[in-house]
């Protein structure tokens, strides 16, 4: 089973001032329950994967790249052990990218809450992928070539093509980093670089997974979309309600007694 989860323990803190330094509101009980649900889904999905029926050599003989839809057909028959191993470097490396957020002082002061959200995002991503792979039987591209070892082509993992888990997990981690930095530093010029890196990293992983014969193009598109959505939405759905920009103050002067309305842009 792939490494999906980064467990974080968190407590809710309040920051006083004109605006909260911590842009998110967390709750250990609620968020912990969601994370536990994601972990449970991962376990259940892996049980389903373990119980899948293997393809037989007779099944393989009846397969043809012509059976694959036109969008994905160019990937059918790909197989590269080198590309597979290479894809693991950005994949596993992406799990560590949220540690870069500790370079930001405000994030560092709120690290337990931030990494609680990261753990929640990764558990959701892992649960969704495992359940989907366990409930579907889409054949991997390397099934369609004799270059891949027969043991690999008849392994239970050979029907886990839908959707691209490596791409989804990488996108979750990368977009989480970009989103959190953006929310803590809404005026930083570095945001564009982080968003660009977040967009590019899972694309590289997806390309290598296609070269390896692990996933089709459509698997990667869906994996990318699911992962990016989780990485962005988990922090977004925890954002604190913005304070109103309008304020009403009582005013008393020798010439005027009443109120003054101010609005900050």
Protein backbone atom coordinates (compact mmCIF):
# COMPACT_ATOMS: atom_id res chain seq x y z
CA UNK A 1 0.00 0.00 0.00
CA UNK A 2 1.36 3.41 -0.97
CA UNK A 3 2.22 6.02 1.64
CA UNK A 4 -0.75 8.42 1.62
CA UNK A 5 -1.19 9.75 5.13
CA UNK A 6 0.58 12.35 7.24
CA UNK A 7 -1.07 12.29 10.66
CA UNK A 8 -1.00 15.59 12.54
CA UNK A 9 -2.24 16.41 16.00
CA UNK A 10 -3.73 19.85 16.41
CA UNK A 11 -5.45 22.18 18.83
CA UNK A 12 -7.58 25.20 18.04
CA UNK A 13 -5.97 28.56 18.80
CA UNK A 14 -7.36 32.06 18.60
CA UNK A 15 -5.30 35.04 17.50
CA UNK A 16 -6.37 38.52 18.43
CA UNK A 17 -5.91 41.61 16.34
CA UNK A 18 -7.46 43.30 13.37
CA UNK A 19 -7.38 40.05 11.40
CA UNK A 20 -6.51 36.52 12.51
CA UNK A 21 -2.99 35.40 11.62
CA UNK A 22 -4.41 31.90 11.27
CA UNK A 23 -6.86 32.02 8.34
CA UNK A 24 -8.40 28.63 9.16
CA UNK A 25 -10.70 27.38 11.85
CA UNK A 26 -10.05 23.80 12.94
CA UNK A 27 -11.68 21.41 15.37
CA UNK A 28 -9.83 18.32 16.48
CA UNK A 29 -12.98 16.24 17.00
CA UNK A 30 -14.67 17.08 13.68
CA UNK A 31 -11.53 17.21 11.57
CA UNK A 32 -10.11 14.15 13.29
CA UNK A 33 -13.30 12.25 12.50
CA UNK A 34 -13.05 13.22 8.82
CA UNK A 35 -9.43 12.13 8.73
CA UNK A 36 -10.32 8.84 10.41
CA UNK A 37 -13.02 8.33 7.79
CA UNK A 38 -10.47 8.82 5.03
CA UNK A 39 -8.12 6.32 6.64
CA UNK A 40 -10.99 3.85 7.02
CA UNK A 41 -11.86 4.25 3.34
CA UNK A 42 -8.24 3.57 2.42
CA UNK A 43 -8.26 0.36 4.44
CA UNK A 44 -11.58 -0.74 2.95
CA UNK A 45 -10.39 0.07 -0.57
CA UNK A 46 -7.22 -1.93 -0.15
CA UNK A 47 -9.24 -4.91 1.06
CA UNK A 48 -11.32 -4.64 -2.12
CA UNK A 49 -8.14 -4.48 -4.20
CA UNK A 50 -6.75 -7.55 -2.44
CA UNK A 51 -9.92 -9.48 -3.24
CA UNK A 52 -9.94 -8.63 -6.94
CA UNK A 53 -9.95 -11.43 -9.48
CA UNK A 54 -6.67 -11.72 -11.34
CA UNK A 55 -6.48 -11.61 -15.11
CA UNK A 56 -5.53 -14.93 -16.64
CA UNK A 57 -3.23 -15.56 -19.57
CA UNK A 58 -6.31 -16.47 -21.57
CA UNK A 59 -7.78 -13.03 -20.71
CA UNK A 60 -4.61 -11.38 -21.96
CA UNK A 61 -4.67 -13.21 -25.27
CA UNK A 62 -8.12 -11.78 -26.01
CA UNK A 63 -7.06 -8.17 -25.40
CA UNK A 64 -6.24 -5.64 -28.12
CA UNK A 65 -5.26 -1.94 -28.04
CA UNK A 66 -8.18 -1.40 -30.40
CA UNK A 67 -10.47 -2.03 -27.41
CA UNK A 68 -9.20 1.19 -25.78
CA UNK A 69 -11.00 4.46 -26.49
CA UNK A 70 -9.37 6.86 -28.97
CA UNK A 71 -8.30 9.39 -26.34
CA UNK A 72 -6.24 6.81 -24.46
CA UNK A 73 -5.22 4.39 -27.21
CA UNK A 74 -1.80 5.96 -27.77
CA UNK A 75 -0.80 4.89 -24.25
CA UNK A 76 -1.91 1.25 -24.62
CA UNK A 77 1.14 -1.00 -24.68
CA UNK A 78 3.47 1.41 -22.88
CA UNK A 79 5.83 -0.17 -20.38
CA UNK A 80 8.94 1.29 -18.76
CA UNK A 81 10.34 0.24 -15.43
CA UNK A 82 12.70 3.22 -15.52
CA UNK A 83 9.82 5.70 -15.91
CA UNK A 84 7.97 3.98 -13.07
CA UNK A 85 10.93 4.30 -10.69
CA UNK A 86 11.55 7.89 -11.77
CA UNK A 87 7.93 8.83 -11.07
CA UNK A 88 8.38 7.79 -7.45
CA UNK A 89 10.84 10.63 -6.77
CA UNK A 90 8.43 13.56 -7.35
CA UNK A 91 5.59 11.45 -5.95
CA UNK A 92 7.15 10.77 -2.56
CA UNK A 93 8.94 14.11 -2.61
CA UNK A 94 5.62 15.92 -2.90
CA UNK A 95 4.60 14.53 0.50
CA UNK A 96 7.43 16.55 2.06
CA UNK A 97 6.70 19.83 0.29
CA UNK A 98 4.34 21.08 3.04
CA UNK A 99 7.39 21.23 5.31
CA UNK A 100 8.50 24.22 3.23
CA UNK A 101 5.60 26.12 4.76
CA UNK A 102 7.54 26.17 8.04
CA UNK A 103 9.80 28.79 6.44
CA UNK A 104 6.88 31.19 6.85
CA UNK A 105 6.71 32.54 10.42
CA UNK A 106 2.91 32.78 10.52
CA UNK A 107 2.49 29.22 9.29
CA UNK A 108 5.12 28.03 11.75
CA UNK A 109 3.17 29.56 14.64
CA UNK A 110 0.06 27.67 13.52
CA UNK A 111 1.78 24.48 12.37
CA UNK A 112 -0.39 21.98 14.32
CA UNK A 113 -3.59 23.25 12.69
CA UNK A 114 -2.04 23.50 9.23
CA UNK A 115 -0.70 19.95 9.34
CA UNK A 116 -3.97 18.66 10.71
CA UNK A 117 -5.56 19.97 7.52
CA UNK A 118 -2.79 18.42 5.46
CA UNK A 119 -3.35 15.06 7.10
CA UNK A 120 -7.06 15.40 6.43
CA UNK A 121 -6.50 16.26 2.77
CA UNK A 122 -4.17 13.31 2.21
CA UNK A 123 -6.47 10.88 4.02
CA UNK A 124 -9.40 11.98 1.84
CA UNK A 125 -7.26 11.61 -1.29
CA UNK A 126 -6.09 8.17 -0.21
CA UNK A 127 -9.58 7.01 0.68
CA UNK A 128 -11.11 8.18 -2.58
CA UNK A 129 -8.41 6.55 -4.68
CA UNK A 130 -8.40 3.23 -2.80
CA UNK A 131 -12.17 2.86 -2.93
CA UNK A 132 -12.29 3.79 -6.62
CA UNK A 133 -9.48 1.40 -7.55
CA UNK A 134 -11.07 -1.33 -5.46
CA UNK A 135 -14.48 -0.96 -7.09
CA UNK A 136 -13.31 -0.69 -10.70
CA UNK A 137 -11.35 -3.02 -12.98
CA UNK A 138 -9.81 -0.80 -15.62
CA UNK A 139 -6.76 -2.50 -17.07
CA UNK A 140 -3.42 -0.74 -17.01
CA UNK A 141 -1.73 0.17 -20.32
CA UNK A 142 1.09 -2.35 -19.83
CA UNK A 143 -1.49 -5.13 -20.05
CA UNK A 144 -1.45 -4.64 -23.82
CA UNK A 145 2.24 -5.44 -24.38
CA UNK A 146 4.27 -8.63 -24.17
CA UNK A 147 7.24 -6.54 -23.01
CA UNK A 148 5.81 -6.45 -19.47
CA UNK A 149 6.43 -9.57 -17.36
CA UNK A 150 3.54 -12.01 -17.31
CA UNK A 151 3.53 -11.96 -13.51
CA UNK A 152 2.95 -8.21 -13.61
CA UNK A 153 0.20 -8.44 -16.22
CA UNK A 154 -1.70 -11.02 -14.16
CA UNK A 155 -1.22 -9.29 -10.81
CA UNK A 156 -4.26 -7.86 -9.01
CA UNK A 157 -2.73 -4.40 -9.32
CA UNK A 158 -3.03 -4.72 -13.11
CA UNK A 159 -6.67 -3.64 -12.97
CA UNK A 160 -6.04 -0.50 -10.86
CA UNK A 161 -5.67 1.94 -13.75
CA UNK A 162 -8.64 4.11 -12.78
CA UNK A 163 -7.76 6.62 -11.65
CA UNK A 164 -4.13 7.80 -11.38
CA UNK A 165 -3.33 7.63 -7.67
CA UNK A 166 0.24 8.95 -7.92
CA UNK A 167 -0.99 11.98 -9.85
CA UNK A 168 -3.88 12.59 -7.45
CA UNK A 169 -1.71 12.40 -4.34
CA UNK A 170 0.97 14.66 -5.83
CA UNK A 171 -1.65 17.21 -6.87
CA UNK A 172 -3.24 17.14 -3.41
CA UNK A 173 0.06 17.89 -1.65
CA UNK A 174 1.28 20.46 -4.18
CA UNK A 175 -1.94 22.44 -4.40
CA UNK A 176 -2.35 22.31 -0.62
CA UNK A 177 1.02 24.06 -0.23
CA UNK A 178 0.15 26.73 -2.80
CA UNK A 179 -3.29 27.33 -1.29
CA UNK A 180 -2.07 27.60 2.30
CA UNK A 181 0.77 29.95 1.38
CA UNK A 182 -1.66 32.04 -0.63
CA UNK A 183 -4.07 32.32 2.30
CA UNK A 184 -1.34 33.25 4.77
CA UNK A 185 0.34 35.66 2.31
CA UNK A 186 -2.38 37.09 0.05
CA UNK A 187 -0.13 39.90 -1.21
CA UNK A 188 3.09 37.93 -1.73
CA UNK A 189 4.60 38.01 -5.25
CA UNK A 190 5.82 34.45 -4.63
CA UNK A 191 2.29 33.10 -4.96
CA UNK A 192 2.43 32.85 -8.75
CA UNK A 193 5.57 30.72 -8.58
CA UNK A 194 4.06 28.36 -6.02
CA UNK A 195 0.84 27.96 -8.01
CA UNK A 196 2.87 27.31 -11.17
CA UNK A 197 5.00 24.69 -9.43
CA UNK A 198 1.89 23.11 -7.94
CA UNK A 199 0.34 22.84 -11.39
CA UNK A 200 3.49 21.46 -13.04
CA UNK A 201 4.56 18.81 -10.53
CA UNK A 202 1.58 16.43 -10.94
CA UNK A 203 1.76 16.90 -14.71
CA UNK A 204 5.32 15.54 -14.61
CA UNK A 205 4.22 12.62 -12.47
CA UNK A 206 1.29 11.90 -14.78
CA UNK A 207 3.55 11.92 -17.84
CA UNK A 208 5.95 9.45 -16.24
CA UNK A 209 3.08 7.19 -15.18
CA UNK A 210 1.87 7.07 -18.78
CA UNK A 211 5.39 6.28 -20.00
CA UNK A 212 5.54 3.54 -17.40
CA UNK A 213 2.28 2.06 -18.65
CA UNK A 214 0.58 2.52 -15.30
CA UNK A 215 -2.22 4.88 -16.35
CA UNK A 216 -3.96 6.26 -19.40
CA UNK A 217 -4.34 9.95 -20.17
CA UNK A 218 -7.93 10.07 -18.90
CA UNK A 219 -6.85 8.40 -15.64
CA UNK A 220 -4.33 11.19 -15.12
CA UNK A 221 -6.75 13.96 -16.02
CA UNK A 222 -9.24 12.70 -13.46
CA UNK A 223 -6.54 12.06 -10.87
CA UNK A 224 -5.14 15.56 -11.37
CA UNK A 225 -8.59 17.13 -11.04
CA UNK A 226 -9.52 15.15 -7.93
CA UNK A 227 -6.19 15.81 -6.22
CA UNK A 228 -6.07 19.52 -7.02
CA UNK A 229 -9.66 19.93 -5.84
CA UNK A 230 -8.92 18.27 -2.50
CA UNK A 231 -5.72 20.26 -1.98
CA UNK A 232 -7.57 23.52 -2.54
CA UNK A 233 -10.97 22.79 -1.01
CA UNK A 234 -9.83 21.36 2.34
CA UNK A 235 -8.15 24.65 3.38
CA UNK A 236 -10.84 26.75 1.69
CA UNK A 237 -13.69 25.05 3.53
CA UNK A 238 -11.91 25.71 6.83
CA UNK A 239 -11.39 29.43 6.24
CA UNK A 240 -12.63 31.76 8.91
CA UNK A 241 -15.48 34.08 8.03
CA UNK A 242 -14.08 37.42 6.98
CA UNK A 243 -14.68 40.35 9.23
CA UNK A 244 -16.86 43.01 7.76
CA UNK A 245 -14.99 45.92 6.21
CA UNK A 246 -17.69 48.33 7.40
CA UNK A 247 -17.49 49.74 10.93
CA UNK A 248 -19.82 52.10 12.80
CA UNK A 249 -18.29 54.29 15.51
CA UNK A 250 -19.97 56.74 17.93
CA UNK A 251 -18.61 60.28 17.45
CA UNK A 252 -18.95 63.22 19.81
CA UNK A 253 -17.49 66.65 18.97
CA UNK A 254 -18.49 70.17 19.87
CA UNK A 255 -20.12 70.50 16.47
CA UNK A 256 -21.48 67.00 15.98
CA UNK A 257 -22.91 64.19 18.04
CA UNK A 258 -23.79 60.97 16.27
CA UNK A 259 -21.99 58.19 14.44
CA UNK A 260 -19.36 57.73 11.73
CA UNK A 261 -19.34 54.92 9.20
CA UNK A 262 -15.93 53.79 7.91
CA UNK A 263 -15.16 51.27 5.18
CA UNK A 264 -11.74 49.83 4.52
CA UNK A 265 -10.76 48.56 1.06
